[in-house]
Amino acid sequence: MRELLTLADLSVPMRALRTLAVEYGDLPVPHVLFSPFFPERLDLSLHNGLGDFEVWRAALDIDPGQVELREQTGGTWVLGGTAPYAGAEIRLIAYGPTLDSVRADAEGGGDA
């Protein structure tokens, strides 16, 4: 069994989030996740389409060649990448509709 962590054990990703807020306070708000299973990592996820991913990718200096694209069931694309930042590992993920699902919504009048 894992050793019991304290809130102080998450100080590295919390400090990274604080630094991001100061340096990039104008960027779109992501969903933020701290986890005792990955105490050195900060997960940022974007759920309003894929457009905000590029802004965050550039800010975090994630190499475009290192971005992974995959498709989930149900017509969702997922973009992902990681980068070191302020001592933490940042995992950036964005979710958005595939072109087929956008086309299907448009043909159906957008009543999805």
PDB file of N, CA and C in Angstrom:
ATOM      1  N   MET A   1       0.837  -1.179   0.000  1.00  0.00           N
ATOM      2  CA  MET A   1       0.000   0.000   0.000  1.00  0.00           C
ATOM      3  C   MET A   1       0.887   1.249   0.000  1.00  0.00           C
ATOM      4  N   ARG A   2       0.404   2.276  -0.672  1.00  0.00           N
ATOM      5  CA  ARG A   2       1.159   3.534  -0.752  1.00  0.00           C
ATOM      6  C   ARG A   2       1.171   4.261   0.580  1.00  0.00           C
ATOM      7  N   GLU A   3       2.219   4.996   0.764  1.00  0.00           N
ATOM      8  CA  GLU A   3       2.330   5.832   1.954  1.00  0.00           C
ATOM      9  C   GLU A   3       1.266   6.937   1.865  1.00  0.00           C
ATOM     10  N   LEU A   4       0.700   7.298   2.977  1.00  0.00           N
ATOM     11  CA  LEU A   4      -0.310   8.339   3.030  1.00  0.00           C
ATOM     12  C   LEU A   4       0.336   9.690   2.737  1.00  0.00           C
ATOM     13  N   LEU A   5      -0.141  10.359   1.704  1.00  0.00           N
ATOM     14  CA  LEU A   5       0.398  11.665   1.346  1.00  0.00           C
ATOM     15  C   LEU A   5      -0.390  12.768   2.041  1.00  0.00           C
ATOM     16  N   THR A   6       0.241  13.903   2.155  1.00  0.00           N
ATOM     17  CA  THR A   6      -0.425  15.073   2.706  1.00  0.00           C
ATOM     18  C   THR A   6      -0.585  16.102   1.591  1.00  0.00           C
ATOM     19  N   LEU A   7      -1.340  17.133   1.859  1.00  0.00           N
ATOM     20  CA  LEU A   7      -1.526  18.195   0.880  1.00  0.00           C
ATOM     21  C   LEU A   7      -0.184  18.828   0.510  1.00  0.00           C
ATOM     22  N   ALA A   8       0.713  18.910   1.466  1.00  0.00           N
ATOM     23  CA  ALA A   8       2.041  19.467   1.189  1.00  0.00           C
ATOM     24  C   ALA A   8       2.801  18.645   0.148  1.00  0.00           C
ATOM     25  N   ASP A   9       2.491  17.368   0.027  1.00  0.00           N
ATOM     26  CA  ASP A   9       3.146  16.519  -0.957  1.00  0.00           C
ATOM     27  C   ASP A   9       2.753  16.876  -2.392  1.00  0.00           C
ATOM     28  N   LEU A  10       1.713  17.684  -2.539  1.00  0.00           N
ATOM     29  CA  LEU A  10       1.283  18.132  -3.864  1.00  0.00           C
ATOM     30  C   LEU A  10       1.757  19.560  -4.159  1.00  0.00           C
ATOM     31  N   SER A  11       2.714  20.031  -3.387  1.00  0.00           N
ATOM     32  CA  SER A  11       3.158  21.421  -3.532  1.00  0.00           C
ATOM     33  C   SER A  11       3.796  21.708  -4.893  1.00  0.00           C
ATOM     34  N   VAL A  12       4.441  20.732  -5.502  1.00  0.00           N
ATOM     35  CA  VAL A  12       5.092  20.967  -6.800  1.00  0.00           C
ATOM     36  C   VAL A  12       4.057  21.305  -7.880  1.00  0.00           C
ATOM     37  N   PRO A  13       3.033  20.476  -8.110  1.00  0.00           N
ATOM     38  CA  PRO A  13       2.056  20.860  -9.131  1.00  0.00           C
ATOM     39  C   PRO A  13       1.219  22.080  -8.731  1.00  0.00           C
ATOM     40  N   MET A  14       1.012  22.286  -7.430  1.00  0.00           N
ATOM     41  CA  MET A  14       0.279  23.486  -6.998  1.00  0.00           C
ATOM     42  C   MET A  14       1.078  24.743  -7.313  1.00  0.00           C
ATOM     43  N   ARG A  15       2.379  24.682  -7.103  1.00  0.00           N
ATOM     44  CA  ARG A  15       3.243  25.816  -7.429  1.00  0.00           C
ATOM     45  C   ARG A  15       3.235  26.058  -8.938  1.00  0.00           C
ATOM     46  N   ALA A  16       3.237  24.993  -9.712  1.00  0.00           N
ATOM     47  CA  ALA A  16       3.185  25.137 -11.170  1.00  0.00           C
ATOM     48  C   ALA A  16       1.878  25.812 -11.594  1.00  0.00           C
ATOM     49  N   LEU A  17       0.771  25.434 -10.974  1.00  0.00           N
ATOM     50  CA  LEU A  17      -0.509  26.060 -11.302  1.00  0.00           C
ATOM     51  C   LEU A  17      -0.497  27.546 -10.942  1.00  0.00           C
ATOM     52  N   ARG A  18       0.041  27.862  -9.796  1.00  0.00           N
ATOM     53  CA  ARG A  18       0.128  29.268  -9.376  1.00  0.00           C
ATOM     54  C   ARG A  18       0.974  30.061 -10.376  1.00  0.00           C
ATOM     55  N   THR A  19       2.077  29.491 -10.827  1.00  0.00           N
ATOM     56  CA  THR A  19       2.935  30.160 -11.802  1.00  0.00           C
ATOM     57  C   THR A  19       2.217  30.325 -13.137  1.00  0.00           C
ATOM     58  N   LEU A  20       1.494  29.301 -13.564  1.00  0.00           N
ATOM     59  CA  LEU A  20       0.710  29.407 -14.796  1.00  0.00           C
ATOM     60  C   LEU A  20      -0.311  30.533 -14.702  1.00  0.00           C
ATOM     61  N   ALA A  21      -0.972  30.638 -13.552  1.00  0.00           N
ATOM     62  CA  ALA A  21      -1.991  31.673 -13.363  1.00  0.00           C
ATOM     63  C   ALA A  21      -1.394  33.068 -13.470  1.00  0.00           C
ATOM     64  N   VAL A  22      -0.169  33.231 -12.997  1.00  0.00           N
ATOM     65  CA  VAL A  22       0.488  34.537 -13.065  1.00  0.00           C
ATOM     66  C   VAL A  22       0.964  34.818 -14.489  1.00  0.00           C
ATOM     67  N   GLU A  23       1.629  33.837 -15.106  1.00  0.00           N
ATOM     68  CA  GLU A  23       2.219  34.051 -16.422  1.00  0.00           C
ATOM     69  C   GLU A  23       1.212  34.005 -17.564  1.00  0.00           C
ATOM     70  N   TYR A  24       0.172  33.192 -17.427  1.00  0.00           N
ATOM     71  CA  TYR A  24      -0.771  32.978 -18.526  1.00  0.00           C
ATOM     72  C   TYR A  24      -2.220  33.128 -18.063  1.00  0.00           C
ATOM     73  N   GLY A  25      -2.455  34.114 -17.239  1.00  0.00           N
ATOM     74  CA  GLY A  25      -3.788  34.327 -16.687  1.00  0.00           C
ATOM     75  C   GLY A  25      -4.855  34.629 -17.715  1.00  0.00           C
ATOM     76  N   ASP A  26      -4.460  34.965 -18.939  1.00  0.00           N
ATOM     77  CA  ASP A  26      -5.430  35.282 -19.980  1.00  0.00           C
ATOM     78  C   ASP A  26      -5.834  34.055 -20.811  1.00  0.00           C
ATOM     79  N   LEU A  27      -5.227  32.906 -20.540  1.00  0.00           N
ATOM     80  CA  LEU A  27      -5.573  31.698 -21.300  1.00  0.00           C
ATOM     81  C   LEU A  27      -6.909  31.117 -20.826  1.00  0.00           C
ATOM     82  N   PRO A  28      -7.559  30.331 -21.693  1.00  0.00           N
ATOM     83  CA  PRO A  28      -8.836  29.715 -21.306  1.00  0.00           C
ATOM     84  C   PRO A  28      -8.665  28.823 -20.073  1.00  0.00           C
ATOM     85  N   VAL A  29      -9.665  28.822 -19.226  1.00  0.00           N
ATOM     86  CA  VAL A  29      -9.620  28.036 -17.986  1.00  0.00           C
ATOM     87  C   VAL A  29      -9.766  26.542 -18.309  1.00  0.00           C
ATOM     88  N   PRO A  30      -8.798  25.737 -17.877  1.00  0.00           N
ATOM     89  CA  PRO A  30      -8.923  24.289 -18.050  1.00  0.00           C
ATOM     90  C   PRO A  30      -9.520  23.656 -16.787  1.00  0.00           C
ATOM     91  N   HIS A  31      -9.928  22.408 -16.929  1.00  0.00           N
ATOM     92  CA  HIS A  31     -10.248  21.600 -15.761  1.00  0.00           C
ATOM     93  C   HIS A  31      -8.897  21.216 -15.168  1.00  0.00           C
ATOM     94  N   VAL A  32      -8.728  21.372 -13.866  1.00  0.00           N
ATOM     95  CA  VAL A  32      -7.441  21.138 -13.203  1.00  0.00           C
ATOM     96  C   VAL A  32      -7.556  19.925 -12.289  1.00  0.00           C
ATOM     97  N   LEU A  33      -6.565  19.048 -12.363  1.00  0.00           N
ATOM     98  CA  LEU A  33      -6.573  17.855 -11.522  1.00  0.00           C
ATOM     99  C   LEU A  33      -5.217  17.664 -10.863  1.00  0.00           C
ATOM    100  N   PHE A  34      -5.242  17.546  -9.548  1.00  0.00           N
ATOM    101  CA  PHE A  34      -4.089  17.111  -8.755  1.00  0.00           C
ATOM    102  C   PHE A  34      -4.414  15.697  -8.300  1.00  0.00           C
ATOM    103  N   SER A  35      -3.424  14.829  -8.259  1.00  0.00           N
ATOM    104  CA  SER A  35      -3.692  13.455  -7.858  1.00  0.00           C
ATOM    105  C   SER A  35      -2.612  12.928  -6.922  1.00  0.00           C
ATOM    106  N   PRO A  36      -3.018  12.285  -5.834  1.00  0.00           N
ATOM    107  CA  PRO A  36      -2.017  11.671  -4.964  1.00  0.00           C
ATOM    108  C   PRO A  36      -1.317  10.481  -5.639  1.00  0.00           C
ATOM    109  N   PHE A  37      -1.891   9.976  -6.733  1.00  0.00           N
ATOM    110  CA  PHE A  37      -1.254   8.871  -7.452  1.00  0.00           C
ATOM    111  C   PHE A  37      -0.088   9.363  -8.309  1.00  0.00           C
ATOM    112  N   PHE A  38      -0.136  10.650  -8.704  1.00  0.00           N
ATOM    113  CA  PHE A  38       0.935  11.271  -9.497  1.00  0.00           C
ATOM    114  C   PHE A  38       1.258  12.621  -8.852  1.00  0.00           C
ATOM    115  N   PRO A  39       1.915  12.623  -7.698  1.00  0.00           N
ATOM    116  CA  PRO A  39       2.091  13.859  -6.930  1.00  0.00           C
ATOM    117  C   PRO A  39       2.981  14.913  -7.583  1.00  0.00           C
ATOM    118  N   GLU A  40       3.668  14.593  -8.650  1.00  0.00           N
ATOM    119  CA  GLU A  40       4.510  15.573  -9.342  1.00  0.00           C
ATOM    120  C   GLU A  40       3.839  16.091 -10.614  1.00  0.00           C
ATOM    121  N   ARG A  41       2.589  15.671 -10.872  1.00  0.00           N
ATOM    122  CA  ARG A  41       1.934  15.998 -12.140  1.00  0.00           C
ATOM    123  C   ARG A  41       0.731  16.902 -11.924  1.00  0.00           C
ATOM    124  N   LEU A  42       0.517  17.773 -12.897  1.00  0.00           N
ATOM    125  CA  LEU A  42      -0.654  18.630 -12.955  1.00  0.00           C
ATOM    126  C   LEU A  42      -1.357  18.326 -14.271  1.00  0.00           C
ATOM    127  N   ASP A  43      -2.603  17.898 -14.193  1.00  0.00           N
ATOM    128  CA  ASP A  43      -3.384  17.622 -15.393  1.00  0.00           C
ATOM    129  C   ASP A  43      -4.267  18.813 -15.709  1.00  0.00           C
ATOM    130  N   LEU A  44      -4.200  19.266 -16.957  1.00  0.00           N
ATOM    131  CA  LEU A  44      -5.051  20.337 -17.449  1.00  0.00           C
ATOM    132  C   LEU A  44      -5.857  19.774 -18.608  1.00  0.00           C
ATOM    133  N   SER A  45      -7.183  19.798 -18.514  1.00  0.00           N
ATOM    134  CA  SER A  45      -8.000  19.292 -19.607  1.00  0.00           C
ATOM    135  C   SER A  45      -8.983  20.352 -20.066  1.00  0.00           C
ATOM    136  N   LEU A  46      -9.153  20.375 -21.376  1.00  0.00           N
ATOM    137  CA  LEU A  46     -10.005  21.356 -22.044  1.00  0.00           C
ATOM    138  C   LEU A  46     -11.161  20.601 -22.700  1.00  0.00           C
ATOM    139  N   HIS A  47     -12.376  21.011 -22.397  1.00  0.00           N
ATOM    140  CA  HIS A  47     -13.554  20.271 -22.844  1.00  0.00           C
ATOM    141  C   HIS A  47     -14.446  21.065 -23.793  1.00  0.00           C
ATOM    142  N   ASN A  48     -14.001  22.225 -24.260  1.00  0.00           N
ATOM    143  CA  ASN A  48     -14.818  23.057 -25.144  1.00  0.00           C
ATOM    144  C   ASN A  48     -14.329  23.022 -26.580  1.00  0.00           C
ATOM    145  N   GLY A  49     -13.852  21.886 -27.033  1.00  0.00           N
ATOM    146  CA  GLY A  49     -13.322  21.770 -28.382  1.00  0.00           C
ATOM    147  C   GLY A  49     -11.804  21.781 -28.357  1.00  0.00           C
ATOM    148  N   LEU A  50     -11.235  21.696 -29.554  1.00  0.00           N
ATOM    149  CA  LEU A  50      -9.787  21.547 -29.673  1.00  0.00           C
ATOM    150  C   LEU A  50      -9.047  22.868 -29.859  1.00  0.00           C
ATOM    151  N   GLY A  51      -9.765  23.955 -30.105  1.00  0.00           N
ATOM    152  CA  GLY A  51      -9.132  25.236 -30.388  1.00  0.00           C
ATOM    153  C   GLY A  51      -8.242  25.753 -29.273  1.00  0.00           C
ATOM    154  N   ASP A  52      -8.665  25.589 -28.023  1.00  0.00           N
ATOM    155  CA  ASP A  52      -7.878  26.095 -26.896  1.00  0.00           C
ATOM    156  C   ASP A  52      -6.596  25.301 -26.671  1.00  0.00           C
ATOM    157  N   PHE A  53      -6.551  24.079 -27.197  1.00  0.00           N
ATOM    158  CA  PHE A  53      -5.370  23.236 -27.005  1.00  0.00           C
ATOM    159  C   PHE A  53      -4.127  23.913 -27.570  1.00  0.00           C
ATOM    160  N   GLU A  54      -4.238  24.488 -28.762  1.00  0.00           N
ATOM    161  CA  GLU A  54      -3.063  25.069 -29.419  1.00  0.00           C
ATOM    162  C   GLU A  54      -2.494  26.233 -28.617  1.00  0.00           C
ATOM    163  N   VAL A  55      -3.359  27.049 -28.029  1.00  0.00           N
ATOM    164  CA  VAL A  55      -2.897  28.178 -27.225  1.00  0.00           C
ATOM    165  C   VAL A  55      -2.108  27.668 -26.021  1.00  0.00           C
ATOM    166  N   TRP A  56      -2.651  26.673 -25.349  1.00  0.00           N
ATOM    167  CA  TRP A  56      -1.968  26.096 -24.191  1.00  0.00           C
ATOM    168  C   TRP A  56      -0.698  25.349 -24.616  1.00  0.00           C
ATOM    169  N   ARG A  57      -0.755  24.626 -25.743  1.00  0.00           N
ATOM    170  CA  ARG A  57       0.414  23.888 -26.223  1.00  0.00           C
ATOM    171  C   ARG A  57       1.573  24.844 -26.460  1.00  0.00           C
ATOM    172  N   ALA A  58       1.282  25.972 -27.103  1.00  0.00           N
ATOM    173  CA  ALA A  58       2.330  26.955 -27.379  1.00  0.00           C
ATOM    174  C   ALA A  58       2.870  27.552 -26.071  1.00  0.00           C
ATOM    175  N   ALA A  59       1.995  27.866 -25.142  1.00  0.00           N
ATOM    176  CA  ALA A  59       2.430  28.452 -23.868  1.00  0.00           C
ATOM    177  C   ALA A  59       3.330  27.490 -23.099  1.00  0.00           C
ATOM    178  N   LEU A  60       3.004  26.213 -23.139  1.00  0.00           N
ATOM    179  CA  LEU A  60       3.785  25.205 -22.414  1.00  0.00           C
ATOM    180  C   LEU A  60       4.982  24.708 -23.226  1.00  0.00           C
ATOM    181  N   ASP A  61       5.110  25.194 -24.458  1.00  0.00           N
ATOM    182  CA  ASP A  61       6.211  24.826 -25.343  1.00  0.00           C
ATOM    183  C   ASP A  61       6.259  23.315 -25.595  1.00  0.00           C
ATOM    184  N   ILE A  62       5.081  22.733 -25.804  1.00  0.00           N
ATOM    185  CA  ILE A  62       5.009  21.317 -26.170  1.00  0.00           C
ATOM    186  C   ILE A  62       5.275  21.228 -27.672  1.00  0.00           C
ATOM    187  N   ASP A  63       6.238  20.437 -28.052  1.00  0.00           N
ATOM    188  CA  ASP A  63       6.596  20.247 -29.459  1.00  0.00           C
ATOM    189  C   ASP A  63       5.382  19.685 -30.208  1.00  0.00           C
ATOM    190  N   PRO A  64       4.959  20.321 -31.309  1.00  0.00           N
ATOM    191  CA  PRO A  64       3.810  19.808 -32.065  1.00  0.00           C
ATOM    192  C   PRO A  64       3.985  18.353 -32.503  1.00  0.00           C
ATOM    193  N   GLY A  65       5.231  17.960 -32.764  1.00  0.00           N
ATOM    194  CA  GLY A  65       5.496  16.574 -33.157  1.00  0.00           C
ATOM    195  C   GLY A  65       5.276  15.577 -32.028  1.00  0.00           C
ATOM    196  N   GLN A  66       5.192  16.065 -30.788  1.00  0.00           N
ATOM    197  CA  GLN A  66       4.977  15.193 -29.632  1.00  0.00           C
ATOM    198  C   GLN A  66       3.502  15.111 -29.223  1.00  0.00           C
ATOM    199  N   VAL A  67       2.637  15.855 -29.917  1.00  0.00           N
ATOM    200  CA  VAL A  67       1.201  15.831 -29.601  1.00  0.00           C
ATOM    201  C   VAL A  67       0.596  14.547 -30.152  1.00  0.00           C
ATOM    202  N   GLU A  68      -0.160  13.884 -29.313  1.00  0.00           N
ATOM    203  CA  GLU A  68      -0.841  12.652 -29.718  1.00  0.00           C
ATOM    204  C   GLU A  68      -2.296  12.954 -30.037  1.00  0.00           C
ATOM    205  N   LEU A  69      -2.793  12.361 -31.111  1.00  0.00           N
ATOM    206  CA  LEU A  69      -4.193  12.478 -31.497  1.00  0.00           C
ATOM    207  C   LEU A  69      -4.789  11.082 -31.503  1.00  0.00           C
ATOM    208  N   ARG A  70      -5.921  10.944 -30.847  1.00  0.00           N
ATOM    209  CA  ARG A  70      -6.634   9.666 -30.899  1.00  0.00           C
ATOM    210  C   ARG A  70      -8.118   9.947 -30.965  1.00  0.00           C
ATOM    211  N   GLU A  71      -8.859   8.937 -31.348  1.00  0.00           N
ATOM    212  CA  GLU A  71     -10.306   9.076 -31.460  1.00  0.00           C
ATOM    213  C   GLU A  71     -10.986   8.159 -30.456  1.00  0.00           C
ATOM    214  N   GLN A  72     -11.906   8.735 -29.701  1.00  0.00           N
ATOM    215  CA  GLN A  72     -12.718   7.959 -28.760  1.00  0.00           C
ATOM    216  C   GLN A  72     -14.005   7.543 -29.454  1.00  0.00           C
ATOM    217  N   THR A  73     -14.621   6.545 -28.924  1.00  0.00           N
ATOM    218  CA  THR A  73     -15.927   6.159 -29.431  1.00  0.00           C
ATOM    219  C   THR A  73     -16.896   7.308 -29.218  1.00  0.00           C
ATOM    220  N   GLY A  74     -17.857   7.424 -30.089  1.00  0.00           N
ATOM    221  CA  GLY A  74     -18.854   8.470 -29.933  1.00  0.00           C
ATOM    222  C   GLY A  74     -18.495   9.755 -30.640  1.00  0.00           C
ATOM    223  N   GLY A  75     -17.469   9.730 -31.497  1.00  0.00           N
ATOM    224  CA  GLY A  75     -17.154  10.903 -32.292  1.00  0.00           C
ATOM    225  C   GLY A  75     -16.392  11.989 -31.566  1.00  0.00           C
ATOM    226  N   THR A  76     -15.437  11.609 -30.728  1.00  0.00           N
ATOM    227  CA  THR A  76     -14.640  12.599 -30.007  1.00  0.00           C
ATOM    228  C   THR A  76     -13.158  12.395 -30.311  1.00  0.00           C
ATOM    229  N   TRP A  77     -12.504  13.490 -30.676  1.00  0.00           N
ATOM    230  CA  TRP A  77     -11.061  13.483 -30.822  1.00  0.00           C
ATOM    231  C   TRP A  77     -10.439  13.901 -29.502  1.00  0.00           C
ATOM    232  N   VAL A  78      -9.273  13.344 -29.212  1.00  0.00           N
ATOM    233  CA  VAL A  78      -8.536  13.690 -27.999  1.00  0.00           C
ATOM    234  C   VAL A  78      -7.115  14.057 -28.414  1.00  0.00           C
ATOM    235  N   LEU A  79      -6.697  15.270 -28.038  1.00  0.00           N
ATOM    236  CA  LEU A  79      -5.323  15.706 -28.242  1.00  0.00           C
ATOM    237  C   LEU A  79      -4.621  15.671 -26.891  1.00  0.00           C
ATOM    238  N   GLY A  80      -3.367  15.263 -26.868  1.00  0.00           N
ATOM    239  CA  GLY A  80      -2.648  15.208 -25.608  1.00  0.00           C
ATOM    240  C   GLY A  80      -1.166  15.444 -25.779  1.00  0.00           C
ATOM    241  N   GLY A  81      -0.574  16.006 -24.745  1.00  0.00           N
ATOM    242  CA  GLY A  81       0.858  16.233 -24.735  1.00  0.00           C
ATOM    243  C   GLY A  81       1.319  16.525 -23.315  1.00  0.00           C
ATOM    244  N   THR A  82       2.606  16.367 -23.078  1.00  0.00           N
ATOM    245  CA  THR A  82       3.165  16.639 -21.752  1.00  0.00           C
ATOM    246  C   THR A  82       4.375  17.553 -21.892  1.00  0.00           C
ATOM    247  N   ALA A  83       4.646  18.268 -20.801  1.00  0.00           N
ATOM    248  CA  ALA A  83       5.802  19.161 -20.771  1.00  0.00           C
ATOM    249  C   ALA A  83       6.208  19.395 -19.331  1.00  0.00           C
ATOM    250  N   PRO A  84       7.502  19.587 -19.101  1.00  0.00           N
ATOM    251  CA  PRO A  84       7.931  20.018 -17.768  1.00  0.00           C
ATOM    252  C   PRO A  84       7.635  21.504 -17.627  1.00  0.00           C
ATOM    253  N   TYR A  85       7.212  21.894 -16.435  1.00  0.00           N
ATOM    254  CA  TYR A  85       6.928  23.304 -16.189  1.00  0.00           C
ATOM    255  C   TYR A  85       7.025  23.565 -14.699  1.00  0.00           C
ATOM    256  N   ALA A  86       7.844  24.506 -14.312  1.00  0.00           N
ATOM    257  CA  ALA A  86       7.996  24.924 -12.915  1.00  0.00           C
ATOM    258  C   ALA A  86       8.204  23.735 -11.971  1.00  0.00           C
ATOM    259  N   GLY A  87       8.959  22.748 -12.427  1.00  0.00           N
ATOM    260  CA  GLY A  87       9.269  21.596 -11.603  1.00  0.00           C
ATOM    261  C   GLY A  87       8.260  20.473 -11.645  1.00  0.00           C
ATOM    262  N   ALA A  88       7.137  20.697 -12.302  1.00  0.00           N
ATOM    263  CA  ALA A  88       6.087  19.674 -12.389  1.00  0.00           C
ATOM    264  C   ALA A  88       6.018  19.137 -13.814  1.00  0.00           C
ATOM    265  N   GLU A  89       5.381  17.982 -13.945  1.00  0.00           N
ATOM    266  CA  GLU A  89       5.033  17.478 -15.266  1.00  0.00           C
ATOM    267  C   GLU A  89       3.607  17.948 -15.534  1.00  0.00           C
ATOM    268  N   ILE A  90       3.415  18.649 -16.645  1.00  0.00           N
ATOM    269  CA  ILE A  90       2.085  19.110 -17.022  1.00  0.00           C
ATOM    270  C   ILE A  90       1.570  18.175 -18.104  1.00  0.00           C
ATOM    271  N   ARG A  91       0.380  17.649 -17.888  1.00  0.00           N
ATOM    272  CA  ARG A  91      -0.278  16.827 -18.908  1.00  0.00           C
ATOM    273  C   ARG A  91      -1.459  17.627 -19.430  1.00  0.00           C
ATOM    274  N   LEU A  92      -1.417  17.967 -20.709  1.00  0.00           N
ATOM    275  CA  LEU A  92      -2.447  18.770 -21.359  1.00  0.00           C
ATOM    276  C   LEU A  92      -3.286  17.872 -22.251  1.00  0.00           C
ATOM    277  N   ILE A  93      -4.593  17.940 -22.073  1.00  0.00           N
ATOM    278  CA  ILE A  93      -5.521  17.110 -22.849  1.00  0.00           C
ATOM    279  C   ILE A  93      -6.677  17.987 -23.305  1.00  0.00           C
ATOM    280  N   ALA A  94      -7.128  17.794 -24.543  1.00  0.00           N
ATOM    281  CA  ALA A  94      -8.306  18.503 -25.048  1.00  0.00           C
ATOM    282  C   ALA A  94      -9.229  17.504 -25.737  1.00  0.00           C
ATOM    283  N   TYR A  95     -10.514  17.745 -25.598  1.00  0.00           N
ATOM    284  CA  TYR A  95     -11.540  16.892 -26.191  1.00  0.00           C
ATOM    285  C   TYR A  95     -12.383  17.736 -27.138  1.00  0.00           C
ATOM    286  N   GLY A  96     -12.693  17.188 -28.311  1.00  0.00           N
ATOM    287  CA  GLY A  96     -13.540  17.903 -29.254  1.00  0.00           C
ATOM    288  C   GLY A  96     -14.161  16.939 -30.243  1.00  0.00           C
ATOM    289  N   PRO A  97     -15.199  17.392 -30.907  1.00  0.00           N
ATOM    290  CA  PRO A  97     -15.896  16.512 -31.857  1.00  0.00           C
ATOM    291  C   PRO A  97     -15.047  16.240 -33.098  1.00  0.00           C
ATOM    292  N   THR A  98     -15.186  15.032 -33.631  1.00  0.00           N
ATOM    293  CA  THR A  98     -14.533  14.703 -34.892  1.00  0.00           C
ATOM    294  C   THR A  98     -15.269  15.423 -36.019  1.00  0.00           C
ATOM    295  N   LEU A  99     -14.642  15.493 -37.175  1.00  0.00           N
ATOM    296  CA  LEU A  99     -15.294  16.138 -38.314  1.00  0.00           C
ATOM    297  C   LEU A  99     -16.570  15.398 -38.700  1.00  0.00           C
ATOM    298  N   ASP A 100     -16.559  14.080 -38.608  1.00  0.00           N
ATOM    299  CA  ASP A 100     -17.761  13.310 -38.935  1.00  0.00           C
ATOM    300  C   ASP A 100     -18.912  13.646 -38.002  1.00  0.00           C
ATOM    301  N   SER A 101     -18.628  13.804 -36.711  1.00  0.00           N
ATOM    302  CA  SER A 101     -19.705  14.118 -35.770  1.00  0.00           C
ATOM    303  C   SER A 101     -20.209  15.547 -35.965  1.00  0.00           C
ATOM    304  N   VAL A 102     -19.316  16.477 -36.331  1.00  0.00           N
ATOM    305  CA  VAL A 102     -19.741  17.849 -36.629  1.00  0.00           C
ATOM    306  C   VAL A 102     -20.631  17.851 -37.872  1.00  0.00           C
ATOM    307  N   ARG A 103     -20.212  17.106 -38.887  1.00  0.00           N
ATOM    308  CA  ARG A 103     -20.989  17.012 -40.128  1.00  0.00           C
ATOM    309  C   ARG A 103     -22.361  16.400 -39.853  1.00  0.00           C
ATOM    310  N   ALA A 104     -22.397  15.337 -39.050  1.00  0.00           N
ATOM    311  CA  ALA A 104     -23.671  14.689 -38.725  1.00  0.00           C
ATOM    312  C   ALA A 104     -24.587  15.647 -37.967  1.00  0.00           C
ATOM    313  N   ASP A 105     -24.050  16.410 -37.049  1.00  0.00           N
ATOM    314  CA  ASP A 105     -24.846  17.403 -36.303  1.00  0.00           C
ATOM    315  C   ASP A 105     -25.394  18.458 -37.252  1.00  0.00           C
ATOM    316  N   ALA A 106     -24.553  18.916 -38.200  1.00  0.00           N
ATOM    317  CA  ALA A 106     -24.989  19.950 -39.137  1.00  0.00           C
ATOM    318  C   ALA A 106     -26.095  19.418 -40.046  1.00  0.00           C
ATOM    319  N   GLU A 107     -25.952  18.180 -40.490  1.00  0.00           N
ATOM    320  CA  GLU A 107     -26.971  17.598 -41.349  1.00  0.00           C
ATOM    321  C   GLU A 107     -28.272  17.338 -40.608  1.00  0.00           C
ATOM    322  N   GLY A 108     -28.161  17.084 -39.314  1.00  0.00           N
ATOM    323  CA  GLY A 108     -29.345  16.831 -38.506  1.00  0.00           C
ATOM    324  C   GLY A 108     -29.946  18.102 -37.920  1.00  0.00           C
ATOM    325  N   GLY A 109     -29.409  19.252 -38.317  1.00  0.00           N
ATOM    326  CA  GLY A 109     -29.933  20.509 -37.819  1.00  0.00           C
ATOM    327  C   GLY A 109     -29.353  20.929 -36.494  1.00  0.00           C
ATOM    328  N   GLY A 110     -28.322  20.203 -36.024  1.00  0.00           N
ATOM    329  CA  GLY A 110     -27.671  20.577 -34.779  1.00  0.00           C
ATOM    330  C   GLY A 110     -28.435  20.167 -33.543  1.00  0.00           C
ATOM    331  N   ASP A 111     -29.326  19.189 -33.657  1.00  0.00           N
ATOM    332  CA  ASP A 111     -30.137  18.766 -32.510  1.00  0.00           C
ATOM    333  C   ASP A 111     -29.515  17.611 -31.758  1.00  0.00           C
ATOM    334  N   ALA A 112     -28.204  17.506 -31.740  1.00  0.00           N
ATOM    335  CA  ALA A 112     -27.543  16.372 -31.077  1.00  0.00           C
ATOM    336  C   ALA A 112     -27.631  16.477 -29.590  1.00  0.00           C
TER     337      ALA A 112
END
